[in-house]
Protein backbone atom coordinates (compact mmCIF):
# COMPACT_ATOMS: atom_id res chain seq x y z
CA MET A 1 12.18 -67.43 127.31
CA ASP A 2 9.30 -66.14 129.37
CA TRP A 3 6.67 -65.08 126.83
CA GLY A 4 4.50 -63.44 129.49
CA SER A 5 7.04 -60.72 130.15
CA PHE A 6 7.64 -60.32 126.42
CA ASN A 7 3.92 -59.68 125.84
CA TRP A 8 3.82 -57.21 128.71
CA SER A 9 6.85 -55.37 127.36
CA LEU A 10 5.31 -55.30 123.91
CA LEU A 11 2.08 -53.80 125.29
CA THR A 12 3.85 -51.15 127.34
CA ILE A 13 5.94 -50.04 124.37
CA VAL A 14 3.59 -50.45 121.41
CA GLY A 15 0.45 -49.25 123.21
CA PRO A 16 1.73 -45.78 124.11
CA ALA A 17 3.38 -45.47 120.69
CA LEU A 18 0.05 -46.15 118.96
CA LEU A 19 -1.71 -43.69 121.27
CA PHE A 20 0.91 -41.04 120.49
CA ILE A 21 0.48 -41.61 116.75
CA ALA A 22 -3.32 -41.34 117.04
CA ILE A 23 -3.11 -38.08 119.03
CA LEU A 24 -0.54 -36.65 116.60
CA TYR A 25 -2.73 -37.54 113.61
CA ALA A 26 -5.81 -35.92 115.19
CA THR A 27 -3.88 -32.78 116.11
CA LEU A 28 -2.41 -32.35 112.64
CA LYS A 29 -5.76 -33.00 110.97
CA ASN A 30 -7.51 -30.39 113.13
CA ARG A 31 -4.85 -27.77 112.39
CA LYS A 32 -5.69 -27.89 108.72
CA ALA A 33 -9.07 -26.22 109.27
CA LYS A 34 -9.43 -23.45 106.75
CA GLN A 35 -9.84 -19.88 107.95
CA GLY A 36 -13.11 -19.55 106.04
CA GLU A 37 -14.59 -22.50 107.89
CA ILE A 38 -13.61 -21.00 111.22
CA GLU A 39 -15.10 -17.61 110.31
CA ARG A 40 -18.32 -19.24 109.10
CA THR A 41 -18.63 -21.20 112.35
CA GLU A 42 -18.00 -18.09 114.43
CA GLN A 43 -20.62 -16.13 112.46
CA ALA A 44 -23.22 -18.88 112.85
CA THR A 45 -22.55 -19.03 116.59
CA HIS A 46 -22.93 -15.26 116.87
CA GLU A 47 -26.25 -15.36 115.00
CA LEU A 48 -27.53 -18.19 117.19
CA TYR A 49 -26.66 -16.25 120.34
CA GLN A 50 -28.50 -13.20 118.99
CA GLU A 51 -31.61 -15.27 118.23
CA GLU A 52 -31.58 -16.85 121.68
CA ASP A 53 -31.10 -13.46 123.32
CA ALA A 54 -34.01 -11.98 121.36
CA ALA A 55 -36.26 -14.90 122.31
CA HIS A 56 -35.24 -14.56 125.95
CA ARG A 57 -36.00 -10.84 125.93
CA LYS A 58 -39.47 -11.49 124.48
CA ARG A 59 -40.26 -13.91 127.29
CA SER A 60 -38.90 -11.49 129.90
CA ASP A 61 -41.08 -8.65 128.63
CA VAL A 62 -44.27 -10.60 129.30
CA VAL A 63 -45.10 -9.94 132.94
CA PRO A 64 -48.31 -11.40 134.41
């Protein structure tokens, strides 16, 4: 038996299967994010944008 072709076959079958399992695991884990966490993240992002906008407006008001 030619072990070289066996190893190649093993890699082409097992490799993609492991990749699929890893992607599936990551997808399912990310779906479980709680709604409260998402809302808190969105609120923090909104506040950060407001702070940056206010700082930008202060710098724009100063004209030499």
